[in-house]
Amino acid sequence: MDKAKLYRIVFESDTKAGRQYDIALIWVIGFSVIVSMFDSIPNLYPVVSITLGVIEWLFTLVFTAEYIMRIIISPTPRKYVLSLWGAIDLISILPTYLSLFTYSFKYLMIIRVIRLLRIFRILRLIRFSRAGYAMLMSLKMSIYKIGVFFVFVICLVILLGTAMFVIEGPENGFTSIFQGIYWAIITITTVGYGDIVPQTVLGKLLSSLTMIIGYAIIAVPTGIITVEMSNASKSNVTCTNCGSQNQSKANFCSNCGEKINN
């Protein structure tokens, strides 16, 4: 099999072989994440710990081979290695190899922390999910709007924090504007730790208003992303024969050739 066909199978999912490869890889990634989760349990029986270690090495070798294969068949290996997915692929296999170079007992905790990075494999699942890809594209298209909204929220918490500092003052726990901003953030997010609360009537009124604003703020980014996801779904149609996604203006499916009813 030439590199072009292998590239289409490994990097794309618009063919039957590509979808089968993705599904198989999803199962392998899922099982490797489960093994990592069980491996984090303390005081396991030695035989269980050894078994998990062997399984982890098998997964690591599989992912290493896949990572090398992606570099070899990629038309632009450097671009893949420096991409987000390339970084995640590398991070998911490095911890097991790094653990080989640490022998001192006092560094065992560092090994445990490093090996926790294996959980990044779960991020690779997004690549193979159409819904996950649609979500990523929606976030990308709405990033500017969300950024403007984020700046608005920062300005709002500064104003509310400053107002609460003026109203309550140091005698009620608001020793600085920063303390007021901290209160505004935990109030808007409806966390409310209770370590700092207003005591005056005006302060409680402002606190009530802030909590109501918090509920309204939560809905804004959700609405922005929902609109973008709706727009993205309208720009694609699903083939009723094989389930592949195609452009809305396409007359025939790019995978099976079936006529598409737009």
Protein backbone atom coordinates (compact mmCIF):
# COMPACT_ATOMS: atom_id res chain seq x y z
CA MET A 1 0.00 0.00 0.00
CA ASP A 2 1.42 3.37 -1.02
CA LYS A 3 1.75 6.34 1.30
CA ALA A 4 -1.16 8.23 -0.26
CA LYS A 5 -3.66 5.43 0.45
CA LEU A 6 -2.24 4.87 3.93
CA TYR A 7 -2.43 8.60 4.63
CA ARG A 8 -6.12 8.67 3.68
CA ILE A 9 -6.84 5.73 5.99
CA VAL A 10 -4.87 7.07 8.97
CA PHE A 11 -5.52 10.82 8.74
CA GLU A 12 -8.97 10.87 7.17
CA SER A 13 -12.22 8.99 7.80
CA ASP A 14 -14.10 9.42 4.53
CA THR A 15 -13.50 5.81 3.47
CA LYS A 16 -14.63 2.47 4.87
CA ALA A 17 -11.06 1.50 5.77
CA GLY A 18 -10.50 4.89 7.38
CA ARG A 19 -13.59 4.55 9.57
CA GLN A 20 -12.60 1.02 10.57
CA TYR A 21 -9.13 2.25 11.51
CA ASP A 22 -10.60 5.09 13.58
CA ILE A 23 -13.01 2.77 15.39
CA ALA A 24 -10.22 0.31 16.23
CA LEU A 25 -8.03 3.15 17.49
CA ILE A 26 -10.89 4.51 19.61
CA TRP A 27 -11.20 1.15 21.37
CA VAL A 28 -7.45 0.96 21.98
CA ILE A 29 -7.34 4.51 23.35
CA GLY A 30 -10.37 3.85 25.56
CA PHE A 31 -8.85 0.70 27.06
CA SER A 32 -5.51 2.45 27.62
CA VAL A 33 -7.25 5.26 29.53
CA ILE A 34 -9.08 2.68 31.69
CA VAL A 35 -5.75 0.95 32.45
CA SER A 36 -4.24 4.31 33.46
CA MET A 37 -7.18 4.97 35.77
CA PHE A 38 -6.83 1.58 37.48
CA ASP A 39 -3.07 2.07 37.71
CA SER A 40 -3.67 5.19 39.82
CA ILE A 41 -5.28 3.09 42.59
CA PRO A 42 -2.85 2.82 45.56
CA ASN A 43 -1.81 -0.43 47.28
CA LEU A 44 -2.72 -2.80 44.46
CA TYR A 45 -1.71 -6.46 44.66
CA PRO A 46 1.75 -6.95 43.12
CA VAL A 47 0.44 -9.29 40.43
CA VAL A 48 -2.21 -6.73 39.45
CA SER A 49 0.32 -3.91 39.40
CA ILE A 50 2.72 -5.93 37.23
CA THR A 51 -0.09 -6.91 34.87
CA LEU A 52 -1.19 -3.30 34.46
CA GLY A 53 2.43 -2.32 33.83
CA VAL A 54 2.81 -4.91 31.08
CA ILE A 55 -0.46 -3.86 29.47
CA GLU A 56 0.59 -0.21 29.66
CA TRP A 57 3.86 -0.99 27.88
CA LEU A 58 1.96 -2.83 25.15
CA PHE A 59 -0.30 0.19 24.65
CA THR A 60 2.73 2.48 24.65
CA LEU A 61 4.44 0.42 21.95
CA VAL A 62 1.28 0.44 19.82
CA PHE A 63 0.89 4.21 20.13
CA THR A 64 4.60 4.73 19.48
CA ALA A 65 4.38 2.72 16.26
CA GLU A 66 1.30 4.68 15.24
CA TYR A 67 3.01 8.01 16.01
CA ILE A 68 6.06 7.07 13.93
CA MET A 69 3.81 5.86 11.11
CA ARG A 70 1.95 9.19 11.08
CA ILE A 71 5.27 11.04 10.77
CA ILE A 72 6.45 8.80 7.92
CA ILE A 73 3.28 8.96 5.82
CA SER A 74 2.54 12.64 6.43
CA PRO A 75 3.36 14.90 3.45
CA THR A 76 4.58 17.51 5.94
CA PRO A 77 6.01 15.61 8.96
CA ARG A 78 7.22 18.79 10.66
CA LYS A 79 3.74 20.32 10.47
CA TYR A 80 2.20 17.21 12.06
CA VAL A 81 4.80 17.00 14.84
CA LEU A 82 4.30 20.68 15.75
CA SER A 83 0.49 20.52 15.50
CA LEU A 84 -1.86 20.21 18.48
CA TRP A 85 -2.73 16.60 17.67
CA GLY A 86 0.92 15.73 17.14
CA ALA A 87 1.77 17.20 20.55
CA ILE A 88 -1.04 15.22 22.20
CA ASP A 89 0.11 12.03 20.48
CA LEU A 90 3.65 12.60 21.78
CA ILE A 91 2.56 13.52 25.31
CA SER A 92 0.48 10.35 25.51
CA ILE A 93 3.52 8.09 25.02
CA LEU A 94 6.37 10.04 26.65
CA PRO A 95 5.57 9.36 30.34
CA THR A 96 6.17 5.61 30.12
CA TYR A 97 9.58 6.15 28.52
CA LEU A 98 10.54 8.93 30.94
CA SER A 99 9.89 6.60 33.86
CA LEU A 100 12.83 4.46 32.69
CA PHE A 101 15.33 7.20 33.44
CA THR A 102 14.39 7.83 37.07
CA TYR A 103 15.89 5.37 39.56
CA SER A 104 16.06 7.22 42.86
CA PHE A 105 13.32 6.41 45.39
CA LYS A 106 12.62 10.07 46.09
CA TYR A 107 11.65 10.58 42.46
CA LEU A 108 8.96 7.90 42.46
CA MET A 109 6.27 10.51 43.11
CA ILE A 110 7.49 12.45 40.07
CA ILE A 111 7.06 9.30 37.99
CA ARG A 112 3.47 9.00 39.18
CA VAL A 113 2.77 12.61 38.23
CA ILE A 114 4.42 12.23 34.82
CA ARG A 115 2.48 9.05 34.10
CA LEU A 116 -0.77 10.88 34.78
CA LEU A 117 -0.16 12.69 31.49
CA ARG A 118 -1.19 9.46 29.77
CA ILE A 119 -4.78 10.56 30.38
CA PHE A 120 -4.20 13.01 27.51
CA ARG A 121 -4.91 10.08 25.23
CA ILE A 122 -8.58 10.68 25.86
CA LEU A 123 -8.24 13.98 23.97
CA ARG A 124 -7.42 11.97 20.88
CA LEU A 125 -10.96 10.61 20.92
CA ILE A 126 -12.21 14.03 19.84
CA ARG A 127 -10.37 13.67 16.55
CA PHE A 128 -12.43 10.62 15.58
CA SER A 129 -15.83 11.95 16.65
CA ARG A 130 -17.91 13.93 14.17
CA ALA A 131 -19.74 15.57 17.05
CA GLY A 132 -16.42 16.40 18.71
CA TYR A 133 -15.07 17.85 15.47
CA ALA A 134 -18.25 19.92 15.03
CA MET A 135 -17.83 21.24 18.57
CA LEU A 136 -14.21 22.21 17.92
CA MET A 137 -15.14 24.00 14.71
CA SER A 138 -17.98 25.82 16.48
CA LEU A 139 -15.58 26.96 19.21
CA LYS A 140 -13.12 28.11 16.55
CA MET A 141 -15.77 30.11 14.71
CA SER A 142 -17.08 31.70 17.92
CA ILE A 143 -13.71 32.35 19.58
CA TYR A 144 -13.80 36.09 18.77
CA LYS A 145 -17.29 36.54 20.22
CA ILE A 146 -16.37 34.54 23.30
CA GLY A 147 -13.20 36.62 23.68
CA VAL A 148 -15.20 39.87 23.61
CA PHE A 149 -17.65 38.38 26.10
CA PHE A 150 -14.77 37.32 28.36
CA VAL A 151 -13.39 40.88 28.36
CA PHE A 152 -16.88 42.13 29.27
CA VAL A 153 -17.03 39.70 32.20
CA ILE A 154 -13.61 40.85 33.45
CA CYS A 155 -14.76 44.48 33.37
CA LEU A 156 -17.97 43.52 35.14
CA VAL A 157 -16.25 41.70 38.02
CA ILE A 158 -13.85 44.62 38.47
CA LEU A 159 -16.78 47.06 38.70
CA LEU A 160 -18.76 44.84 41.07
CA GLY A 161 -15.70 44.10 43.20
CA THR A 162 -14.85 47.78 43.47
CA ALA A 163 -18.44 48.67 44.34
CA MET A 164 -18.56 46.02 47.07
CA PHE A 165 -15.23 47.23 48.47
CA VAL A 166 -16.63 50.76 48.71
CA ILE A 167 -19.93 49.58 50.25
CA GLU A 168 -18.63 47.05 52.78
CA GLY A 169 -15.07 48.15 53.50
CA PRO A 170 -12.29 46.38 55.44
CA GLU A 171 -14.40 46.04 58.58
CA ASN A 172 -16.60 43.45 56.82
CA GLY A 173 -13.77 41.47 55.24
CA PHE A 174 -13.38 43.42 51.99
CA THR A 175 -9.83 44.53 52.69
CA SER A 176 -8.99 45.49 49.09
CA ILE A 177 -10.43 45.75 45.60
CA PHE A 178 -8.80 42.41 44.82
CA GLN A 179 -10.78 40.86 47.64
CA GLY A 180 -13.91 42.42 46.18
CA ILE A 181 -13.08 41.01 42.74
CA TYR A 182 -12.60 37.56 44.28
CA TRP A 183 -16.05 37.86 45.89
CA ALA A 184 -17.58 38.98 42.57
CA ILE A 185 -16.11 36.00 40.71
CA ILE A 186 -17.34 33.36 43.15
CA THR A 187 -20.73 35.06 43.34
CA ILE A 188 -21.21 35.36 39.57
CA THR A 189 -20.21 31.72 39.12
CA THR A 190 -22.72 30.81 41.88
CA VAL A 191 -19.98 29.02 43.85
CA GLY A 192 -20.30 31.12 46.99
CA TYR A 193 -17.70 29.68 49.38
CA GLY A 194 -19.08 31.77 52.23
CA ASP A 195 -15.64 32.90 53.41
CA ILE A 196 -16.54 36.49 52.62
CA VAL A 197 -20.10 37.80 52.56
CA PRO A 198 -21.67 41.30 52.65
CA GLN A 199 -23.13 42.49 55.94
CA THR A 200 -24.90 45.72 55.01
CA VAL A 201 -28.33 46.01 53.36
CA LEU A 202 -26.85 47.73 50.30
CA GLY A 203 -24.15 45.08 50.07
CA LYS A 204 -26.73 42.28 50.20
CA LEU A 205 -28.76 44.03 47.51
CA LEU A 206 -25.70 44.24 45.28
CA SER A 207 -24.94 40.58 46.04
CA SER A 208 -28.45 39.54 44.96
CA LEU A 209 -28.11 41.51 41.74
CA THR A 210 -24.71 39.92 41.08
CA MET A 211 -26.12 36.40 41.49
CA ILE A 212 -28.94 37.15 39.04
CA ILE A 213 -26.39 38.52 36.57
CA GLY A 214 -24.41 35.31 37.05
CA TYR A 215 -27.30 33.16 35.81
CA ALA A 216 -27.69 35.39 32.75
CA ILE A 217 -23.96 35.30 31.99
CA ILE A 218 -23.87 31.49 31.96
CA ALA A 219 -26.39 31.43 29.10
CA VAL A 220 -24.47 33.79 26.81
CA PRO A 221 -21.50 31.61 25.72
CA THR A 222 -23.82 28.61 25.49
CA GLY A 223 -26.02 30.54 23.05
CA ILE A 224 -23.04 31.68 20.99
CA ILE A 225 -21.68 28.15 20.56
CA THR A 226 -25.16 26.72 19.91
CA VAL A 227 -25.73 29.16 17.04
CA GLU A 228 -22.37 28.28 15.48
CA MET A 229 -23.09 24.56 15.81
CA SER A 230 -26.45 25.08 14.15
CA ASN A 231 -24.81 26.97 11.29
CA ALA A 232 -22.21 24.23 10.91
CA SER A 233 -24.85 21.50 10.77
CA LYS A 234 -26.78 23.39 8.07
CA SER A 235 -23.69 23.57 5.88
CA ASN A 236 -23.40 19.75 5.76
CA VAL A 237 -25.73 16.94 4.83
CA THR A 238 -25.56 13.29 5.84
CA CYS A 239 -25.63 10.50 3.26
CA THR A 240 -28.56 8.19 4.02
CA ASN A 241 -26.67 5.24 2.56
CA CYS A 242 -23.32 5.31 4.42
CA GLY A 243 -23.73 8.15 6.95
CA SER A 244 -20.82 10.25 5.63
CA GLN A 245 -20.88 14.04 5.97
CA ASN A 246 -20.91 16.00 2.69
CA GLN A 247 -21.20 19.63 1.68
CA SER A 248 -24.76 20.86 1.40
CA LYS A 249 -24.27 21.67 -2.31
CA ALA A 250 -22.97 18.17 -3.18
CA ASN A 251 -25.12 16.06 -5.47
CA PHE A 252 -23.40 12.73 -4.76
CA CYS A 253 -21.72 11.24 -1.66
CA SER A 254 -17.92 11.45 -1.75
CA ASN A 255 -17.68 8.05 -0.05
CA CYS A 256 -20.23 5.73 -1.66
CA GLY A 257 -21.42 7.73 -4.67
CA GLU A 258 -25.08 7.64 -3.61
CA LYS A 259 -27.22 10.54 -4.79
CA ILE A 260 -27.83 13.10 -2.03
CA ASN A 261 -31.22 14.72 -1.57
CA ASN A 262 -30.51 18.30 -0.51
